[in-house]
All heavy atoms as atom14 arrays in JSON, in Angstrom:
{
  "sequence": "AAIASVGSANYANSVEGRFTIARDNAKNTVY",
  "atom14_mask": [
    [1, 1, 1, 1, 1, 0, 0, 0, 0, 0, 0, 0, 0, 0],
    [1, 1, 1, 1, 1, 0, 0, 0, 0, 0, 0, 0, 0, 0],
    [1, 1, 1, 1, 1, 1, 1, 1, 0, 0, 0, 0, 0, 0],
    [1, 1, 1, 1, 1, 0, 0, 0, 0, 0, 0, 0, 0, 0],
    [1, 1, 1, 1, 1, 1, 0, 0, 0, 0, 0, 0, 0, 0],
    [1, 1, 1, 1, 1, 1, 1, 0, 0, 0, 0, 0, 0, 0],
    [1, 1, 1, 1, 0, 0, 0, 0, 0, 0, 0, 0, 0, 0],
    [1, 1, 1, 1, 1, 1, 0, 0, 0, 0, 0, 0, 0, 0],
    [1, 1, 1, 1, 1, 0, 0, 0, 0, 0, 0, 0, 0, 0],
    [1, 1, 1, 1, 1, 1, 1, 1, 0, 0, 0, 0, 0, 0],
    [1, 1, 1, 1, 1, 1, 1, 1, 1, 1, 1, 1, 0, 0],
    [1, 1, 1, 1, 1, 0, 0, 0, 0, 0, 0, 0, 0, 0],
    [1, 1, 1, 1, 1, 1, 1, 1, 0, 0, 0, 0, 0, 0],
    [1, 1, 1, 1, 1, 1, 0, 0, 0, 0, 0, 0, 0, 0],
    [1, 1, 1, 1, 1, 1, 1, 0, 0, 0, 0, 0, 0, 0],
    [1, 1, 1, 1, 1, 1, 1, 1, 1, 0, 0, 0, 0, 0],
    [1, 1, 1, 1, 0, 0, 0, 0, 0, 0, 0, 0, 0, 0],
    [1, 1, 1, 1, 1, 1, 1, 1, 1, 1, 1, 0, 0, 0],
    [1, 1, 1, 1, 1, 1, 1, 1, 1, 1, 1, 0, 0, 0],
    [1, 1, 1, 1, 1, 1, 1, 0, 0, 0, 0, 0, 0, 0],
    [1, 1, 1, 1, 1, 1, 1, 1, 0, 0, 0, 0, 0, 0],
    [1, 1, 1, 1, 1, 0, 0, 0, 0, 0, 0, 0, 0, 0],
    [1, 1, 1, 1, 1, 1, 1, 1, 1, 1, 1, 0, 0, 0],
    [1, 1, 1, 1, 1, 1, 1, 1, 0, 0, 0, 0, 0, 0],
    [1, 1, 1, 1, 1, 1, 1, 1, 0, 0, 0, 0, 0, 0],
    [1, 1, 1, 1, 1, 0, 0, 0, 0, 0, 0, 0, 0, 0],
    [1, 1, 1, 1, 1, 1, 1, 1, 1, 0, 0, 0, 0, 0],
    [1, 1, 1, 1, 1, 1, 1, 1, 0, 0, 0, 0, 0, 0],
    [1, 1, 1, 1, 1, 1, 1, 0, 0, 0, 0, 0, 0, 0],
    [1, 1, 1, 1, 1, 1, 1, 0, 0, 0, 0, 0, 0, 0],
    [1, 1, 1, 1, 1, 1, 1, 1, 1, 1, 1, 1, 0, 0]
  ],
  "atom14_positions": [
    [[134.26, 251.61, -65.03], [135.22, 251.21, -63.99], [134.6, 251.35, -62.69], [133.69, 252.14, -62.47], [136.42, 252.15, -64.14], [0.0, 0.0, 0.0], [0.0, 0.0, 0.0], [0.0, 0.0, 0.0], [0.0, 0.0, 0.0], [0.0, 0.0, 0.0], [0.0, 0.0, 0.0], [0.0, 0.0, 0.0], [0.0, 0.0, 0.0], [0.0, 0.0, 0.0]],
    [[135.08, 250.58, -61.79], [134.66, 250.69, -60.32], [135.82, 250.47, -59.45], [136.71, 249.7, -59.83], [133.6, 249.74, -60.21], [0.0, 0.0, 0.0], [0.0, 0.0, 0.0], [0.0, 0.0, 0.0], [0.0, 0.0, 0.0], [0.0, 0.0, 0.0], [0.0, 0.0, 0.0], [0.0, 0.0, 0.0], [0.0, 0.0, 0.0], [0.0, 0.0, 0.0]],
    [[135.76, 251.0, -58.17], [136.79, 250.97, -57.27], [136.25, 250.63, -55.84], [135.38, 251.27, -55.43], [137.78, 252.03, -57.4], [138.9, 252.07, -56.38], [137.02, 253.43, -57.06], [140.05, 252.99, -56.57], [0.0, 0.0, 0.0], [0.0, 0.0, 0.0], [0.0, 0.0, 0.0], [0.0, 0.0, 0.0], [0.0, 0.0, 0.0], [0.0, 0.0, 0.0]],
    [[136.71, 249.68, -55.22], [136.38, 249.43, -53.96], [137.05, 250.32, -52.8], [138.03, 251.0, -53.19], [136.55, 247.9, -53.5], [0.0, 0.0, 0.0], [0.0, 0.0, 0.0], [0.0, 0.0, 0.0], [0.0, 0.0, 0.0], [0.0, 0.0, 0.0], [0.0, 0.0, 0.0], [0.0, 0.0, 0.0], [0.0, 0.0, 0.0], [0.0, 0.0, 0.0]],
    [[136.47, 250.22, -51.67], [137.02, 251.1, -50.54], [138.49, 250.83, -50.25], [139.23, 251.64, -49.86], [136.26, 250.89, -49.32], [136.24, 249.49, -48.87], [0.0, 0.0, 0.0], [0.0, 0.0, 0.0], [0.0, 0.0, 0.0], [0.0, 0.0, 0.0], [0.0, 0.0, 0.0], [0.0, 0.0, 0.0], [0.0, 0.0, 0.0], [0.0, 0.0, 0.0]],
    [[138.92, 249.49, -50.55], [140.24, 249.17, -50.26], [141.24, 249.54, -51.42], [142.38, 249.42, -51.34], [140.44, 247.75, -49.91], [139.75, 247.32, -48.65], [139.96, 246.86, -50.92], [0.0, 0.0, 0.0], [0.0, 0.0, 0.0], [0.0, 0.0, 0.0], [0.0, 0.0, 0.0], [0.0, 0.0, 0.0], [0.0, 0.0, 0.0], [0.0, 0.0, 0.0]],
    [[140.72, 249.94, -52.49], [141.38, 250.47, -53.56], [141.59, 249.51, -54.82], [142.0, 249.88, -55.86], [0.0, 0.0, 0.0], [0.0, 0.0, 0.0], [0.0, 0.0, 0.0], [0.0, 0.0, 0.0], [0.0, 0.0, 0.0], [0.0, 0.0, 0.0], [0.0, 0.0, 0.0], [0.0, 0.0, 0.0], [0.0, 0.0, 0.0], [0.0, 0.0, 0.0]],
    [[140.97, 248.24, -54.81], [141.02, 247.43, -55.9], [140.0, 248.01, -56.99], [138.87, 248.42, -56.59], [140.59, 245.97, -55.42], [139.35, 246.07, -54.75], [0.0, 0.0, 0.0], [0.0, 0.0, 0.0], [0.0, 0.0, 0.0], [0.0, 0.0, 0.0], [0.0, 0.0, 0.0], [0.0, 0.0, 0.0], [0.0, 0.0, 0.0], [0.0, 0.0, 0.0]],
    [[140.28, 247.87, -58.25], [139.62, 248.43, -59.27], [139.33, 247.39, -60.4], [140.1, 246.49, -60.54], [140.18, 249.6, -59.84], [0.0, 0.0, 0.0], [0.0, 0.0, 0.0], [0.0, 0.0, 0.0], [0.0, 0.0, 0.0], [0.0, 0.0, 0.0], [0.0, 0.0, 0.0], [0.0, 0.0, 0.0], [0.0, 0.0, 0.0], [0.0, 0.0, 0.0]],
    [[138.33, 247.57, -61.08], [138.08, 246.75, -62.35], [137.63, 247.69, -63.36], [136.9, 248.65, -63.1], [137.17, 245.57, -62.03], [135.7, 245.94, -61.63], [135.5, 246.48, -60.55], [134.82, 245.92, -62.57], [0.0, 0.0, 0.0], [0.0, 0.0, 0.0], [0.0, 0.0, 0.0], [0.0, 0.0, 0.0], [0.0, 0.0, 0.0], [0.0, 0.0, 0.0]],
    [[137.94, 247.23, -64.68], [137.57, 248.08, -65.85], [136.87, 247.3, -66.88], [137.05, 245.97, -66.95], [138.85, 248.48, -66.24], [139.66, 249.48, -65.42], [140.66, 248.9, -64.56], [139.48, 250.87, -65.55], [141.36, 249.77, -63.78], [140.23, 251.66, -64.65], [141.06, 251.18, -63.74], [141.82, 251.9, -62.92], [0.0, 0.0, 0.0], [0.0, 0.0, 0.0]],
    [[136.12, 247.94, -67.74], [135.67, 247.38, -68.97], [136.85, 247.14, -69.9], [137.67, 247.76, -69.9], [134.64, 248.19, -69.58], [0.0, 0.0, 0.0], [0.0, 0.0, 0.0], [0.0, 0.0, 0.0], [0.0, 0.0, 0.0], [0.0, 0.0, 0.0], [0.0, 0.0, 0.0], [0.0, 0.0, 0.0], [0.0, 0.0, 0.0], [0.0, 0.0, 0.0]],
    [[136.69, 246.0, -70.61], [137.73, 245.6, -71.47], [138.1, 246.74, -72.5], [139.2, 246.95, -72.74], [137.39, 244.35, -72.21], [137.35, 243.11, -71.39], [137.97, 243.04, -70.41], [136.74, 242.13, -71.9], [0.0, 0.0, 0.0], [0.0, 0.0, 0.0], [0.0, 0.0, 0.0], [0.0, 0.0, 0.0], [0.0, 0.0, 0.0], [0.0, 0.0, 0.0]],
    [[137.04, 247.46, -72.87], [137.28, 248.59, -73.92], [138.1, 249.78, -73.41], [138.55, 250.42, -74.23], [135.99, 248.94, -74.28], [135.07, 249.53, -73.22], [0.0, 0.0, 0.0], [0.0, 0.0, 0.0], [0.0, 0.0, 0.0], [0.0, 0.0, 0.0], [0.0, 0.0, 0.0], [0.0, 0.0, 0.0], [0.0, 0.0, 0.0], [0.0, 0.0, 0.0]],
    [[138.13, 249.89, -72.18], [139.0, 250.97, -71.47], [140.22, 250.61, -70.83], [140.93, 251.42, -70.35], [138.03, 251.86, -70.68], [136.83, 252.24, -71.29], [137.83, 251.18, -69.4], [0.0, 0.0, 0.0], [0.0, 0.0, 0.0], [0.0, 0.0, 0.0], [0.0, 0.0, 0.0], [0.0, 0.0, 0.0], [0.0, 0.0, 0.0], [0.0, 0.0, 0.0]],
    [[140.37, 249.4, -70.62], [141.6, 248.84, -69.79], [142.85, 249.39, -70.46], [143.06, 249.32, -71.64], [141.55, 247.27, -69.89], [142.67, 246.7, -69.07], [142.32, 246.47, -67.62], [141.31, 245.94, -67.44], [143.01, 246.91, -66.72], [0.0, 0.0, 0.0], [0.0, 0.0, 0.0], [0.0, 0.0, 0.0], [0.0, 0.0, 0.0], [0.0, 0.0, 0.0]],
    [[143.72, 250.01, -69.66], [144.88, 250.52, -70.09], [144.82, 251.9, -70.63], [145.91, 252.59, -70.76], [0.0, 0.0, 0.0], [0.0, 0.0, 0.0], [0.0, 0.0, 0.0], [0.0, 0.0, 0.0], [0.0, 0.0, 0.0], [0.0, 0.0, 0.0], [0.0, 0.0, 0.0], [0.0, 0.0, 0.0], [0.0, 0.0, 0.0], [0.0, 0.0, 0.0]],
    [[143.76, 252.43, -70.77], [143.51, 253.84, -71.15], [142.86, 254.75, -70.1], [143.17, 255.86, -69.9], [142.59, 254.02, -72.37], [143.16, 253.25, -73.58], [142.25, 253.57, -74.9], [140.95, 253.04, -74.78], [139.86, 253.86, -74.89], [140.13, 255.17, -75.05], [138.74, 253.38, -74.67], [0.0, 0.0, 0.0], [0.0, 0.0, 0.0], [0.0, 0.0, 0.0]],
    [[142.11, 254.07, -69.23], [141.26, 254.82, -68.26], [141.81, 254.33, -66.84], [142.19, 253.19, -66.67], [139.84, 254.61, -68.3], [139.08, 255.2, -69.41], [139.78, 255.71, -70.53], [137.67, 255.18, -69.44], [139.04, 256.22, -71.68], [136.97, 255.59, -70.53], [137.69, 256.21, -71.57], [0.0, 0.0, 0.0], [0.0, 0.0, 0.0], [0.0, 0.0, 0.0]],
    [[141.85, 255.24, -65.88], [142.27, 254.96, -64.57], [141.28, 255.5, -63.61], [140.86, 256.71, -63.63], [143.59, 255.46, -64.16], [144.61, 254.89, -65.13], [144.03, 255.1, -62.8], [0.0, 0.0, 0.0], [0.0, 0.0, 0.0], [0.0, 0.0, 0.0], [0.0, 0.0, 0.0], [0.0, 0.0, 0.0], [0.0, 0.0, 0.0], [0.0, 0.0, 0.0]],
    [[140.72, 254.7, -62.63], [139.8, 255.11, -61.65], [140.52, 255.32, -60.29], [141.43, 254.55, -60.03], [138.62, 254.22, -61.48], [137.56, 254.81, -60.74], [139.09, 252.81, -60.97], [136.17, 254.1, -60.67], [0.0, 0.0, 0.0], [0.0, 0.0, 0.0], [0.0, 0.0, 0.0], [0.0, 0.0, 0.0], [0.0, 0.0, 0.0], [0.0, 0.0, 0.0]],
    [[140.15, 256.31, -59.51], [140.83, 256.57, -58.27], [139.66, 257.17, -57.42], [138.64, 257.69, -57.85], [141.99, 257.53, -58.35], [0.0, 0.0, 0.0], [0.0, 0.0, 0.0], [0.0, 0.0, 0.0], [0.0, 0.0, 0.0], [0.0, 0.0, 0.0], [0.0, 0.0, 0.0], [0.0, 0.0, 0.0], [0.0, 0.0, 0.0], [0.0, 0.0, 0.0]],
    [[139.91, 257.1, -56.12], [138.96, 257.73, -55.15], [139.76, 258.4, -54.01], [140.91, 257.99, -53.64], [138.05, 256.57, -54.59], [138.65, 255.53, -53.83], [137.7, 254.35, -53.45], [136.69, 254.81, -52.45], [135.62, 254.01, -52.08], [135.35, 252.97, -52.76], [134.88, 254.39, -51.1], [0.0, 0.0, 0.0], [0.0, 0.0, 0.0], [0.0, 0.0, 0.0]],
    [[139.09, 259.39, -53.52], [139.53, 260.11, -52.31], [138.54, 259.88, -51.25], [137.52, 260.62, -51.19], [139.88, 261.49, -52.54], [140.42, 262.26, -51.46], [140.3, 261.94, -50.4], [141.18, 263.26, -51.62], [0.0, 0.0, 0.0], [0.0, 0.0, 0.0], [0.0, 0.0, 0.0], [0.0, 0.0, 0.0], [0.0, 0.0, 0.0], [0.0, 0.0, 0.0]],
    [[138.84, 258.9, -50.23], [137.76, 258.71, -49.4], [137.52, 259.84, -48.3], [136.35, 260.08, -47.86], [138.21, 257.46, -48.43], [138.15, 256.23, -49.26], [137.35, 256.0, -50.18], [139.02, 255.26, -49.02], [0.0, 0.0, 0.0], [0.0, 0.0, 0.0], [0.0, 0.0, 0.0], [0.0, 0.0, 0.0], [0.0, 0.0, 0.0], [0.0, 0.0, 0.0]],
    [[138.48, 260.73, -48.09], [138.34, 261.87, -47.25], [137.44, 262.85, -47.84], [136.6, 263.59, -47.15], [139.67, 262.56, -46.94], [0.0, 0.0, 0.0], [0.0, 0.0, 0.0], [0.0, 0.0, 0.0], [0.0, 0.0, 0.0], [0.0, 0.0, 0.0], [0.0, 0.0, 0.0], [0.0, 0.0, 0.0], [0.0, 0.0, 0.0], [0.0, 0.0, 0.0]],
    [[137.38, 262.95, -49.17], [136.6, 263.92, -49.88], [135.35, 263.24, -50.5], [134.57, 263.92, -51.19], [137.44, 264.59, -50.98], [138.62, 265.37, -50.48], [139.25, 266.02, -51.69], [140.41, 266.81, -51.24], [141.22, 267.5, -52.25], [0.0, 0.0, 0.0], [0.0, 0.0, 0.0], [0.0, 0.0, 0.0], [0.0, 0.0, 0.0], [0.0, 0.0, 0.0]],
    [[135.2, 261.92, -50.3], [134.04, 261.18, -50.83], [133.92, 261.47, -52.33], [132.81, 261.73, -52.88], [132.66, 261.67, -50.1], [132.7, 261.26, -48.72], [133.17, 260.18, -48.32], [132.25, 262.15, -47.9], [0.0, 0.0, 0.0], [0.0, 0.0, 0.0], [0.0, 0.0, 0.0], [0.0, 0.0, 0.0], [0.0, 0.0, 0.0], [0.0, 0.0, 0.0]],
    [[135.0, 261.37, -53.08], [135.14, 261.71, -54.42], [135.7, 260.66, -55.21], [136.72, 260.03, -54.73], [135.86, 263.08, -54.53], [135.26, 264.14, -53.95], [136.08, 263.39, -56.03], [0.0, 0.0, 0.0], [0.0, 0.0, 0.0], [0.0, 0.0, 0.0], [0.0, 0.0, 0.0], [0.0, 0.0, 0.0], [0.0, 0.0, 0.0], [0.0, 0.0, 0.0]],
    [[135.31, 260.39, -56.42], [135.77, 259.39, -57.31], [136.16, 260.13, -58.67], [135.51, 261.11, -58.97], [134.81, 258.27, -57.59], [133.47, 258.74, -58.24], [135.42, 257.25, -58.45], [0.0, 0.0, 0.0], [0.0, 0.0, 0.0], [0.0, 0.0, 0.0], [0.0, 0.0, 0.0], [0.0, 0.0, 0.0], [0.0, 0.0, 0.0], [0.0, 0.0, 0.0]],
    [[137.34, 259.7, -59.18], [137.87, 260.37, -60.37], [137.99, 259.37, -61.51], [138.08, 258.03, -61.26], [139.23, 260.86, -60.17], [139.34, 261.83, -59.01], [139.74, 261.33, -57.71], [139.0, 263.1, -59.13], [139.69, 262.28, -56.58], [139.01, 264.07, -58.04], [139.44, 263.59, -56.81], [139.45, 264.48, -55.8], [0.0, 0.0, 0.0], [0.0, 0.0, 0.0]]
  ]
}
């Protein structure tokens, strides 16, 4: 999975619907 600075995300087909990516720009952290 990947997430852009504006928040748009894309996922591998195999994890779509099960995994969620998120980011906290203030903390420079991705989850």
